[in-house]
Amino acid sequence: MYKFRILHPNAITKLRMQPVMHGMIGILFLFNLIGVYKMEHPNWLMALLFIALGTASLAFPFMMRKMRKMSETNSVLRLLQVFTLFSGSLFFLSHMQPIIGGTLLLAGLGVAYTGYAEYRIMQPAYARIEDSGISLPTVFGEKHYRWNEMNNVILRNDLLTLDFRTNKVLQLEVLDEYSPAQTADINAYFQSRLT
């Protein structure tokens, strides 16, 4: 059995979408600020909350690359965004605006899911190679592929390449270092399982 420490298969796509998601949530907070401000009796505490989180959400993508603990900071900001969306939902529902309140509730659930997915993707991920097949991480668990689903499996240049019989190719970046002799042994094991 082999266990490879890999970059999570969905990490690249999710990390590219992070700045966009933070920007969209920031804009949503600023639109909610307009809704709070235009009420007959504005709630200034809620308005300040929307201003603070809207500005922080819009500024975060520009500061992401400078942070040392980007994953932890992102998780904290997601929690604050979810809290603010749920608080805004309760605020607008209590002021008899069910469409805005319901929309904020759905947005809060969506951001909570996104935050959980980002948290899981940032955790160390492992691909397990066993006699029964290959197990790869997903957001909520693992996906197991049998050897009879594969045309070829090869480890070369820190890339684990899975060639499926369905003409699908998956390349995973391996974060562990292997010597040429170890790589040859691993590839020989792969070939023995494929035949």
Protein backbone atom coordinates (compact mmCIF):
# COMPACT_ATOMS: atom_id res chain seq x y z
CA MET A 1 0.00 0.00 0.00
CA TYR A 2 1.22 3.51 -0.85
CA LYS A 3 0.03 6.81 0.55
CA PHE A 4 0.87 10.02 -1.32
CA ARG A 5 0.46 13.50 0.13
CA ILE A 6 -1.16 15.46 -2.70
CA LEU A 7 -2.56 18.86 -3.50
CA HIS A 8 -6.34 18.43 -3.18
CA PRO A 9 -7.90 17.76 -6.63
CA ASN A 10 -10.31 20.71 -6.31
CA ALA A 11 -7.84 23.15 -4.72
CA ILE A 12 -6.83 25.07 -7.84
CA THR A 13 -10.41 25.76 -8.97
CA LYS A 14 -11.59 26.78 -5.50
CA LEU A 15 -8.59 29.03 -4.89
CA ARG A 16 -9.19 30.83 -8.19
CA MET A 17 -12.80 31.46 -7.21
CA GLN A 18 -12.04 32.75 -3.69
CA PRO A 19 -11.44 36.42 -4.63
CA VAL A 20 -14.58 36.46 -6.77
CA MET A 21 -16.70 35.01 -3.97
CA HIS A 22 -15.38 37.52 -1.43
CA GLY A 23 -16.01 40.39 -3.84
CA MET A 24 -19.59 39.27 -4.56
CA ILE A 25 -20.36 38.95 -0.87
CA GLY A 26 -18.87 42.42 -0.23
CA ILE A 27 -21.12 43.91 -2.92
CA LEU A 28 -24.13 42.08 -1.43
CA PHE A 29 -23.35 43.61 1.98
CA LEU A 30 -23.15 47.09 0.49
CA PHE A 31 -26.50 46.61 -1.26
CA ASN A 32 -27.97 45.50 2.08
CA LEU A 33 -26.54 48.68 3.59
CA ILE A 34 -28.67 50.66 1.12
CA GLY A 35 -31.74 48.69 2.22
CA VAL A 36 -31.05 49.36 5.90
CA TYR A 37 -30.29 53.05 5.30
CA LYS A 38 -33.52 53.67 3.32
CA MET A 39 -35.79 52.31 6.06
CA GLU A 40 -38.06 54.64 7.94
CA HIS A 41 -36.08 54.10 11.16
CA PRO A 42 -32.59 52.90 10.14
CA ASN A 43 -30.71 50.56 12.46
CA TRP A 44 -27.25 52.13 12.55
CA LEU A 45 -25.63 49.13 14.24
CA MET A 46 -26.73 46.90 11.39
CA ALA A 47 -25.58 49.52 8.89
CA LEU A 48 -22.12 49.63 10.52
CA LEU A 49 -21.94 45.83 10.43
CA PHE A 50 -22.74 45.79 6.70
CA ILE A 51 -20.20 48.59 6.01
CA ALA A 52 -17.44 46.85 7.98
CA LEU A 53 -17.96 43.39 6.48
CA GLY A 54 -18.61 44.73 2.99
CA THR A 55 -15.39 46.70 3.02
CA ALA A 56 -13.41 43.81 4.54
CA SER A 57 -14.81 41.36 1.98
CA LEU A 58 -13.96 43.66 -0.92
CA ALA A 59 -10.44 44.35 0.41
CA PHE A 60 -9.57 40.75 1.34
CA PRO A 61 -8.73 39.52 -2.20
CA PHE A 62 -6.13 42.28 -2.52
CA MET A 63 -4.51 41.37 0.80
CA MET A 64 -4.64 37.56 0.42
CA ARG A 65 -1.19 37.12 -1.10
CA LYS A 66 0.50 39.12 1.67
CA MET A 67 -0.91 37.01 4.52
CA ARG A 68 1.06 34.26 6.20
CA LYS A 69 -1.92 32.34 7.52
CA MET A 70 -4.24 32.81 4.56
CA SER A 71 -6.26 29.66 5.25
CA GLU A 72 -7.05 30.61 8.86
CA THR A 73 -7.83 34.23 7.93
CA ASN A 74 -10.11 33.07 5.12
CA SER A 75 -11.98 30.74 7.52
CA VAL A 76 -12.49 33.53 10.07
CA LEU A 77 -13.75 35.92 7.38
CA ARG A 78 -16.14 33.24 6.06
CA LEU A 79 -17.52 32.74 9.60
CA LEU A 80 -18.06 36.49 9.96
CA GLN A 81 -19.75 36.62 6.56
CA VAL A 82 -22.10 33.75 7.48
CA PHE A 83 -22.91 35.39 10.83
CA THR A 84 -23.63 38.70 9.11
CA LEU A 85 -25.81 37.07 6.43
CA PHE A 86 -27.87 35.22 9.05
CA SER A 87 -28.13 38.36 11.22
CA GLY A 88 -29.20 40.37 8.17
CA SER A 89 -31.76 37.71 7.35
CA LEU A 90 -33.27 37.94 10.83
CA PHE A 91 -33.17 41.73 10.67
CA PHE A 92 -35.04 41.95 7.37
CA LEU A 93 -37.50 39.20 8.36
CA SER A 94 -38.30 41.11 11.57
CA HIS A 95 -38.97 44.23 9.46
CA MET A 96 -41.48 42.39 7.24
CA GLN A 97 -39.27 42.02 4.18
CA PRO A 98 -39.41 38.25 3.57
CA ILE A 99 -37.86 38.27 0.09
CA ILE A 100 -34.68 39.99 1.23
CA GLY A 101 -34.58 37.94 4.44
CA GLY A 102 -35.05 34.67 2.58
CA THR A 103 -32.41 35.61 0.02
CA LEU A 104 -29.91 36.40 2.77
CA LEU A 105 -30.73 33.11 4.49
CA LEU A 106 -30.01 31.18 1.27
CA ALA A 107 -26.84 33.20 0.69
CA GLY A 108 -25.73 32.43 4.26
CA LEU A 109 -26.23 28.70 3.70
CA GLY A 110 -24.29 28.92 0.43
CA VAL A 111 -21.40 30.79 2.03
CA ALA A 112 -21.36 28.30 4.94
CA TYR A 113 -21.03 25.44 2.45
CA THR A 114 -18.30 27.32 0.55
CA GLY A 115 -16.40 28.01 3.76
CA TYR A 116 -16.58 24.35 4.79
CA ALA A 117 -15.42 23.22 1.33
CA GLU A 118 -12.50 25.67 1.42
CA TYR A 119 -11.56 24.50 4.91
CA ARG A 120 -11.56 20.85 3.80
CA ILE A 121 -9.54 21.61 0.67
CA MET A 122 -6.85 23.39 2.70
CA GLN A 123 -6.35 20.34 4.94
CA PRO A 124 -3.60 17.83 4.01
CA ALA A 125 -4.93 15.44 1.38
CA TYR A 126 -3.74 11.91 0.68
CA ALA A 127 -4.17 9.52 -2.23
CA ARG A 128 -4.14 5.91 -1.04
CA ILE A 129 -3.05 3.19 -3.43
CA GLU A 130 -4.10 -0.29 -2.31
CA ASP A 131 -4.50 -3.73 -3.81
CA SER A 132 -8.23 -3.06 -4.25
CA GLY A 133 -7.78 0.31 -6.02
CA ILE A 134 -7.09 4.00 -5.59
CA SER A 135 -8.82 6.27 -3.06
CA LEU A 136 -8.85 10.02 -3.69
CA PRO A 137 -10.15 12.78 -1.39
CA THR A 138 -13.35 14.67 -2.13
CA VAL A 139 -14.96 17.53 -0.21
CA PHE A 140 -17.07 15.22 1.99
CA GLY A 141 -15.02 12.03 2.02
CA GLU A 142 -13.23 9.77 -0.42
CA LYS A 143 -13.89 8.31 -3.85
CA HIS A 144 -12.59 4.83 -4.56
CA TYR A 145 -11.57 3.69 -8.05
CA ARG A 146 -10.92 0.03 -8.86
CA TRP A 147 -7.91 -1.05 -10.87
CA ASN A 148 -10.16 -2.37 -13.67
CA GLU A 149 -11.33 1.24 -14.28
CA MET A 150 -7.79 2.30 -15.21
CA ASN A 151 -5.82 2.14 -18.46
CA ASN A 152 -2.61 3.36 -16.86
CA VAL A 153 -1.32 4.83 -13.61
CA ILE A 154 2.12 6.41 -13.45
CA LEU A 155 4.18 8.56 -11.11
CA ARG A 156 6.58 10.88 -12.92
CA ASN A 157 8.05 14.32 -12.13
CA ASP A 158 5.97 14.74 -8.94
CA LEU A 159 2.74 14.07 -10.86
CA LEU A 160 0.50 11.08 -10.28
CA THR A 161 -1.33 10.50 -13.56
CA LEU A 162 -4.50 8.40 -13.63
CA ASP A 163 -5.66 7.38 -17.10
CA PHE A 164 -9.20 6.01 -16.92
CA ARG A 165 -10.83 3.66 -19.42
CA THR A 166 -13.51 6.32 -19.97
CA ASN A 167 -10.89 8.56 -21.68
CA LYS A 168 -10.63 10.74 -18.59
CA VAL A 169 -7.16 11.74 -17.38
CA LEU A 170 -6.53 13.06 -13.87
CA GLN A 171 -3.18 14.49 -12.81
CA LEU A 172 -2.46 15.09 -9.14
CA GLU A 173 0.53 17.01 -7.81
CA VAL A 174 2.43 14.83 -5.31
CA LEU A 175 3.97 16.88 -2.50
CA ASP A 176 6.31 14.13 -1.22
CA GLU A 177 9.82 13.61 -2.62
CA TYR A 178 10.72 10.20 -4.08
CA SER A 179 14.07 9.00 -5.37
CA PRO A 180 14.29 7.54 -8.90
CA ALA A 181 14.58 4.03 -7.40
CA GLN A 182 11.45 4.53 -5.27
CA THR A 183 9.57 5.95 -8.27
CA ALA A 184 10.56 2.89 -10.34
CA ASP A 185 9.33 0.54 -7.58
CA ILE A 186 6.02 2.43 -7.30
CA ASN A 187 5.47 2.36 -11.09
CA ALA A 188 6.32 -1.37 -11.17
CA TYR A 189 3.64 -1.92 -8.50
CA PHE A 190 1.14 0.04 -10.60
CA GLN A 191 1.88 -2.06 -13.68
CA SER A 192 1.52 -5.29 -11.68
CA ARG A 193 -1.94 -4.22 -10.51
CA LEU A 194 -3.04 -3.13 -14.00
CA THR A 195 -2.19 -6.47 -15.66
